[in-house]
Structure formats: C-alpha cells, structure tokens
Amino acid sequence: MKILLNGELTQTRAKTLAELCTNLGHGLDKIATARNGDFVPVTERAKTLISEDDQIEIVAPRQGG
C-alpha cells in the first residue's frame, strides 16, 4: 500500500505502526510517531493499523550542538 511517510510517498506492507517502525530500523529507537496528525504513543503503535494514503510522521531526536 502507499502511505505518505515524513512527506514522501512510500510503499509498505506493514499493517501496524509498530511493524512499520521495525521495518524502517527503528525497532528499539526512542522516536515519536504520528498517524494522520495524531500523536501515537509507543504503547499504542502495535494496535495502530495503517491504511492506504495514511500520513505517518516518525521523528528521532538528534544529538549534537
């Protein structure tokens, strides 16, 4: 299915937000996620289903200065 991931059209077979994060290599990372503009806490990612044309945002903290 096609989703918009961080503003870019992306193909995925992930069914949940948790699966998408794992597939992208963020499995254990401290990240923030949102689906269609709504924040999704880490405890809800496995229950959050992804649908065609969803807008997903994944934000990872950066270090440095």
PDB file of N, CA and C in Angstrom:
ATOM      1  N   MET A   1       0.834  -1.169   0.000  1.00  0.00           N
ATOM      2  CA  MET A   1       0.000   0.000   0.000  1.00  0.00           C
ATOM      3  C   MET A   1       0.884   1.239   0.000  1.00  0.00           C
ATOM      4  N   LYS A   2       0.318   2.357  -0.414  1.00  0.00           N
ATOM      5  CA  LYS A   2       1.038   3.626  -0.447  1.00  0.00           C
ATOM      6  C   LYS A   2       0.649   4.474   0.759  1.00  0.00           C
ATOM      7  N   ILE A   3       1.677   5.032   1.418  1.00  0.00           N
ATOM      8  CA  ILE A   3       1.467   5.968   2.512  1.00  0.00           C
ATOM      9  C   ILE A   3       2.380   7.164   2.278  1.00  0.00           C
ATOM     10  N   LEU A   4       2.119   8.224   3.002  1.00  0.00           N
ATOM     11  CA  LEU A   4       2.995   9.381   2.983  1.00  0.00           C
ATOM     12  C   LEU A   4       3.807   9.316   4.271  1.00  0.00           C
ATOM     13  N   LEU A   5       5.108   9.063   4.153  1.00  0.00           N
ATOM     14  CA  LEU A   5       5.991   8.903   5.304  1.00  0.00           C
ATOM     15  C   LEU A   5       6.932  10.091   5.375  1.00  0.00           C
ATOM     16  N   ASN A   6       6.778  10.892   6.399  1.00  0.00           N
ATOM     17  CA  ASN A   6       7.598  12.102   6.559  1.00  0.00           C
ATOM     18  C   ASN A   6       7.592  12.938   5.283  1.00  0.00           C
ATOM     19  N   GLY A   7       6.416  13.033   4.659  1.00  0.00           N
ATOM     20  CA  GLY A   7       6.249  13.871   3.484  1.00  0.00           C
ATOM     21  C   GLY A   7       6.617  13.232   2.157  1.00  0.00           C
ATOM     22  N   GLU A   8       7.046  11.964   2.169  1.00  0.00           N
ATOM     23  CA  GLU A   8       7.432  11.277   0.933  1.00  0.00           C
ATOM     24  C   GLU A   8       6.536  10.069   0.700  1.00  0.00           C
ATOM     25  N   LEU A   9       6.076   9.914  -0.538  1.00  0.00           N
ATOM     26  CA  LEU A   9       5.265   8.760  -0.908  1.00  0.00           C
ATOM     27  C   LEU A   9       6.106   7.501  -0.751  1.00  0.00           C
ATOM     28  N   THR A  10       5.574   6.522  -0.017  1.00  0.00           N
ATOM     29  CA  THR A  10       6.316   5.311   0.321  1.00  0.00           C
ATOM     30  C   THR A  10       5.414   4.096   0.172  1.00  0.00           C
ATOM     31  N   GLN A  11       5.967   3.008  -0.322  1.00  0.00           N
ATOM     32  CA  GLN A  11       5.259   1.724  -0.395  1.00  0.00           C
ATOM     33  C   GLN A  11       5.605   0.929   0.851  1.00  0.00           C
ATOM     34  N   THR A  12       4.624   0.279   1.451  1.00  0.00           N
ATOM     35  CA  THR A  12       4.884  -0.575   2.608  1.00  0.00           C
ATOM     36  C   THR A  12       3.913  -1.746   2.634  1.00  0.00           C
ATOM     37  N   ARG A  13       4.340  -2.814   3.268  1.00  0.00           N
ATOM     38  CA  ARG A  13       3.458  -3.958   3.521  1.00  0.00           C
ATOM     39  C   ARG A  13       3.108  -4.048   4.996  1.00  0.00           C
ATOM     40  N   ALA A  14       3.631  -3.112   5.781  1.00  0.00           N
ATOM     41  CA  ALA A  14       3.362  -3.102   7.226  1.00  0.00           C
ATOM     42  C   ALA A  14       1.875  -2.905   7.469  1.00  0.00           C
ATOM     43  N   LYS A  15       1.361  -3.602   8.465  1.00  0.00           N
ATOM     44  CA  LYS A  15      -0.053  -3.498   8.803  1.00  0.00           C
ATOM     45  C   LYS A  15      -0.276  -2.588  10.013  1.00  0.00           C
ATOM     46  N   THR A  16       0.761  -2.434  10.847  1.00  0.00           N
ATOM     47  CA  THR A  16       0.647  -1.588  12.031  1.00  0.00           C
ATOM     48  C   THR A  16       1.797  -0.584  12.050  1.00  0.00           C
ATOM     49  N   LEU A  17       1.627   0.431  12.864  1.00  0.00           N
ATOM     50  CA  LEU A  17       2.674   1.431  13.005  1.00  0.00           C
ATOM     51  C   LEU A  17       3.929   0.823  13.622  1.00  0.00           C
ATOM     52  N   ALA A  18       3.773  -0.093  14.563  1.00  0.00           N
ATOM     53  CA  ALA A  18       4.924  -0.766  15.170  1.00  0.00           C
ATOM     54  C   ALA A  18       5.708  -1.560  14.132  1.00  0.00           C
ATOM     55  N   GLU A  19       4.996  -2.264  13.261  1.00  0.00           N
ATOM     56  CA  GLU A  19       5.638  -3.053  12.211  1.00  0.00           C
ATOM     57  C   GLU A  19       6.384  -2.132  11.241  1.00  0.00           C
ATOM     58  N   LEU A  20       5.789  -1.004  10.894  1.00  0.00           N
ATOM     59  CA  LEU A  20       6.444  -0.045  10.014  1.00  0.00           C
ATOM     60  C   LEU A  20       7.733   0.465  10.647  1.00  0.00           C
ATOM     61  N   CYS A  21       7.667   0.840  11.925  1.00  0.00           N
ATOM     62  CA  CYS A  21       8.860   1.339  12.615  1.00  0.00           C
ATOM     63  C   CYS A  21       9.965   0.293  12.628  1.00  0.00           C
ATOM     64  N   THR A  22       9.616  -0.950  12.901  1.00  0.00           N
ATOM     65  CA  THR A  22      10.599  -2.036  12.904  1.00  0.00           C
ATOM     66  C   THR A  22      11.190  -2.234  11.512  1.00  0.00           C
ATOM     67  N   ASN A  23      10.347  -2.238  10.488  1.00  0.00           N
ATOM     68  CA  ASN A  23      10.818  -2.420   9.115  1.00  0.00           C
ATOM     69  C   ASN A  23      11.774  -1.309   8.685  1.00  0.00           C
ATOM     70  N   LEU A  24      11.595  -0.127   9.248  1.00  0.00           N
ATOM     71  CA  LEU A  24      12.450   1.009   8.905  1.00  0.00           C
ATOM     72  C   LEU A  24      13.709   1.071   9.767  1.00  0.00           C
ATOM     73  N   GLY A  25      13.881   0.102  10.673  1.00  0.00           N
ATOM     74  CA  GLY A  25      15.076   0.054  11.506  1.00  0.00           C
ATOM     75  C   GLY A  25      14.984   0.846  12.794  1.00  0.00           C
ATOM     76  N   HIS A  26      13.771   1.214  13.206  1.00  0.00           N
ATOM     77  CA  HIS A  26      13.577   1.991  14.429  1.00  0.00           C
ATOM     78  C   HIS A  26      13.034   1.147  15.573  1.00  0.00           C
ATOM     79  N   GLY A  27      13.172  -0.154  15.490  1.00  0.00           N
ATOM     80  CA  GLY A  27      12.554  -1.049  16.460  1.00  0.00           C
ATOM     81  C   GLY A  27      12.735  -0.665  17.919  1.00  0.00           C
ATOM     82  N   LEU A  28      13.953  -0.390  18.352  1.00  0.00           N
ATOM     83  CA  LEU A  28      14.223  -0.074  19.760  1.00  0.00           C
ATOM     84  C   LEU A  28      14.586   1.392  19.964  1.00  0.00           C
ATOM     85  N   ASP A  29      14.554   2.175  18.903  1.00  0.00           N
ATOM     86  CA  ASP A  29      14.917   3.588  18.997  1.00  0.00           C
ATOM     87  C   ASP A  29      13.874   4.375  19.778  1.00  0.00           C
ATOM     88  N   LYS A  30      14.333   5.441  20.391  1.00  0.00           N
ATOM     89  CA  LYS A  30      13.430   6.403  21.036  1.00  0.00           C
ATOM     90  C   LYS A  30      12.970   7.363  19.944  1.00  0.00           C
ATOM     91  N   ILE A  31      11.737   7.208  19.508  1.00  0.00           N
ATOM     92  CA  ILE A  31      11.192   8.026  18.427  1.00  0.00           C
ATOM     93  C   ILE A  31       9.793   8.508  18.812  1.00  0.00           C
ATOM     94  N   ALA A  32       9.351   9.531  18.122  1.00  0.00           N
ATOM     95  CA  ALA A  32       7.970   9.998  18.246  1.00  0.00           C
ATOM     96  C   ALA A  32       7.256   9.644  16.953  1.00  0.00           C
ATOM     97  N   THR A  33       5.992   9.239  17.065  1.00  0.00           N
ATOM     98  CA  THR A  33       5.238   8.855  15.880  1.00  0.00           C
ATOM     99  C   THR A  33       3.866   9.531  15.870  1.00  0.00           C
ATOM    100  N   ALA A  34       3.376   9.761  14.653  1.00  0.00           N
ATOM    101  CA  ALA A  34       2.035  10.311  14.478  1.00  0.00           C
ATOM    102  C   ALA A  34       1.401   9.669  13.248  1.00  0.00           C
ATOM    103  N   ARG A  35       0.093   9.503  13.296  1.00  0.00           N
ATOM    104  CA  ARG A  35      -0.682   8.978  12.163  1.00  0.00           C
ATOM    105  C   ARG A  35      -1.785   9.987  11.872  1.00  0.00           C
ATOM    106  N   ASN A  36      -1.773  10.498  10.664  1.00  0.00           N
ATOM    107  CA  ASN A  36      -2.772  11.479  10.228  1.00  0.00           C
ATOM    108  C   ASN A  36      -2.894  12.653  11.200  1.00  0.00           C
ATOM    109  N   GLY A  37      -1.735  13.100  11.692  1.00  0.00           N
ATOM    110  CA  GLY A  37      -1.690  14.280  12.550  1.00  0.00           C
ATOM    111  C   GLY A  37      -1.912  14.026  14.025  1.00  0.00           C
ATOM    112  N   ASP A  38      -2.200  12.778  14.396  1.00  0.00           N
ATOM    113  CA  ASP A  38      -2.435  12.445  15.799  1.00  0.00           C
ATOM    114  C   ASP A  38      -1.238  11.687  16.373  1.00  0.00           C
ATOM    115  N   PHE A  39      -0.695  12.200  17.491  1.00  0.00           N
ATOM    116  CA  PHE A  39       0.413  11.538  18.176  1.00  0.00           C
ATOM    117  C   PHE A  39       0.010  10.114  18.552  1.00  0.00           C
ATOM    118  N   VAL A  40       0.944   9.169  18.346  1.00  0.00           N
ATOM    119  CA  VAL A  40       0.708   7.771  18.732  1.00  0.00           C
ATOM    120  C   VAL A  40       1.794   7.363  19.716  1.00  0.00           C
ATOM    121  N   PRO A  41       1.447   7.146  20.990  1.00  0.00           N
ATOM    122  CA  PRO A  41       2.457   6.729  21.965  1.00  0.00           C
ATOM    123  C   PRO A  41       2.971   5.323  21.677  1.00  0.00           C
ATOM    124  N   VAL A  42       4.148   5.041  22.175  1.00  0.00           N
ATOM    125  CA  VAL A  42       4.784   3.750  21.919  1.00  0.00           C
ATOM    126  C   VAL A  42       3.878   2.588  22.335  1.00  0.00           C
ATOM    127  N   THR A  43       3.104   2.758  23.388  1.00  0.00           N
ATOM    128  CA  THR A  43       2.223   1.682  23.870  1.00  0.00           C
ATOM    129  C   THR A  43       1.064   1.393  22.936  1.00  0.00           C
ATOM    130  N   GLU A  44       0.786   2.290  22.000  1.00  0.00           N
ATOM    131  CA  GLU A  44      -0.341   2.124  21.073  1.00  0.00           C
ATOM    132  C   GLU A  44       0.089   1.737  19.650  1.00  0.00           C
ATOM    133  N   ARG A  45       1.371   1.744  19.374  1.00  0.00           N
ATOM    134  CA  ARG A  45       1.838   1.505  17.995  1.00  0.00           C
ATOM    135  C   ARG A  45       1.451   0.143  17.455  1.00  0.00           C
ATOM    136  N   ALA A  46       1.504  -0.887  18.276  1.00  0.00           N
ATOM    137  CA  ALA A  46       1.165  -2.237  17.810  1.00  0.00           C
ATOM    138  C   ALA A  46      -0.320  -2.370  17.498  1.00  0.00           C
ATOM    139  N   LYS A  47      -1.149  -1.502  18.091  1.00  0.00           N
ATOM    140  CA  LYS A  47      -2.599  -1.541  17.872  1.00  0.00           C
ATOM    141  C   LYS A  47      -3.039  -0.561  16.783  1.00  0.00           C
ATOM    142  N   THR A  48      -2.122   0.277  16.325  1.00  0.00           N
ATOM    143  CA  THR A  48      -2.475   1.321  15.361  1.00  0.00           C
ATOM    144  C   THR A  48      -2.311   0.790  13.940  1.00  0.00           C
ATOM    145  N   LEU A  49      -3.426   0.528  13.279  1.00  0.00           N
ATOM    146  CA  LEU A  49      -3.415  -0.004  11.923  1.00  0.00           C
ATOM    147  C   LEU A  49      -3.083   1.100  10.920  1.00  0.00           C
ATOM    148  N   ILE A  50      -2.354   0.723   9.880  1.00  0.00           N
ATOM    149  CA  ILE A  50      -2.013   1.642   8.798  1.00  0.00           C
ATOM    150  C   ILE A  50      -2.925   1.341   7.612  1.00  0.00           C
ATOM    151  N   SER A  51      -3.429   2.396   7.000  1.00  0.00           N
ATOM    152  CA  SER A  51      -4.298   2.262   5.832  1.00  0.00           C
ATOM    153  C   SER A  51      -3.706   3.009   4.648  1.00  0.00           C
ATOM    154  N   GLU A  52      -4.163   2.655   3.459  1.00  0.00           N
ATOM    155  CA  GLU A  52      -3.763   3.342   2.230  1.00  0.00           C
ATOM    156  C   GLU A  52      -3.918   4.854   2.405  1.00  0.00           C
ATOM    157  N   ASP A  53      -2.918   5.594   1.966  1.00  0.00           N
ATOM    158  CA  ASP A  53      -2.898   7.063   1.983  1.00  0.00           C
ATOM    159  C   ASP A  53      -2.766   7.691   3.371  1.00  0.00           C
ATOM    160  N   ASP A  54      -2.481   6.885   4.402  1.00  0.00           N
ATOM    161  CA  ASP A  54      -2.220   7.481   5.715  1.00  0.00           C
ATOM    162  C   ASP A  54      -0.982   8.373   5.645  1.00  0.00           C
ATOM    163  N   GLN A  55      -0.964   9.387   6.494  1.00  0.00           N
ATOM    164  CA  GLN A  55       0.193  10.263   6.630  1.00  0.00           C
ATOM    165  C   GLN A  55       0.873   9.916   7.949  1.00  0.00           C
ATOM    166  N   ILE A  56       2.071   9.373   7.853  1.00  0.00           N
ATOM    167  CA  ILE A  56       2.824   8.930   9.011  1.00  0.00           C
ATOM    168  C   ILE A  56       4.040   9.833   9.193  1.00  0.00           C
ATOM    169  N   GLU A  57       4.259  10.250  10.429  1.00  0.00           N
ATOM    170  CA  GLU A  57       5.450  11.027  10.778  1.00  0.00           C
ATOM    171  C   GLU A  57       6.230  10.235  11.811  1.00  0.00           C
ATOM    172  N   ILE A  58       7.530  10.086  11.572  1.00  0.00           N
ATOM    173  CA  ILE A  58       8.436   9.452  12.522  1.00  0.00           C
ATOM    174  C   ILE A  58       9.572  10.435  12.749  1.00  0.00           C
ATOM    175  N   VAL A  59       9.746  10.809  14.021  1.00  0.00           N
ATOM    176  CA  VAL A  59      10.765  11.800  14.361  1.00  0.00           C
ATOM    177  C   VAL A  59      11.696  11.196  15.395  1.00  0.00           C
ATOM    178  N   ALA A  60      12.989  11.228  15.091  1.00  0.00           N
ATOM    179  CA  ALA A  60      14.010  10.742  16.019  1.00  0.00           C
ATOM    180  C   ALA A  60      14.786  11.926  16.577  1.00  0.00           C
ATOM    181  N   PRO A  61      15.093  11.909  17.876  1.00  0.00           N
ATOM    182  CA  PRO A  61      15.879  13.007  18.444  1.00  0.00           C
ATOM    183  C   PRO A  61      17.283  13.020  17.852  1.00  0.00           C
ATOM    184  N   ARG A  62      17.844  14.194  17.771  1.00  0.00           N
ATOM    185  CA  ARG A  62      19.205  14.344  17.256  1.00  0.00           C
ATOM    186  C   ARG A  62      20.102  14.842  18.358  1.00  0.00           C
ATOM    187  N   GLN A  63      21.367  14.410  18.294  1.00  0.00           N
ATOM    188  CA  GLN A  63      22.348  14.865  19.261  1.00  0.00           C
ATOM    189  C   GLN A  63      23.313  15.809  18.561  1.00  0.00           C
ATOM    190  N   GLY A  64      23.986  16.566  19.347  1.00  0.00           N
ATOM    191  CA  GLY A  64      24.967  17.481  18.787  1.00  0.00           C
ATOM    192  C   GLY A  64      24.647  18.896  19.191  1.00  0.00           C
ATOM    193  N   GLY A  65      25.425  19.792  18.672  1.00  0.00           N
ATOM    194  CA  GLY A  65      25.155  21.162  19.066  1.00  0.00           C
ATOM    195  C   GLY A  65      25.893  22.175  18.301  1.00  0.00           C
TER     196      GLY A  65
END
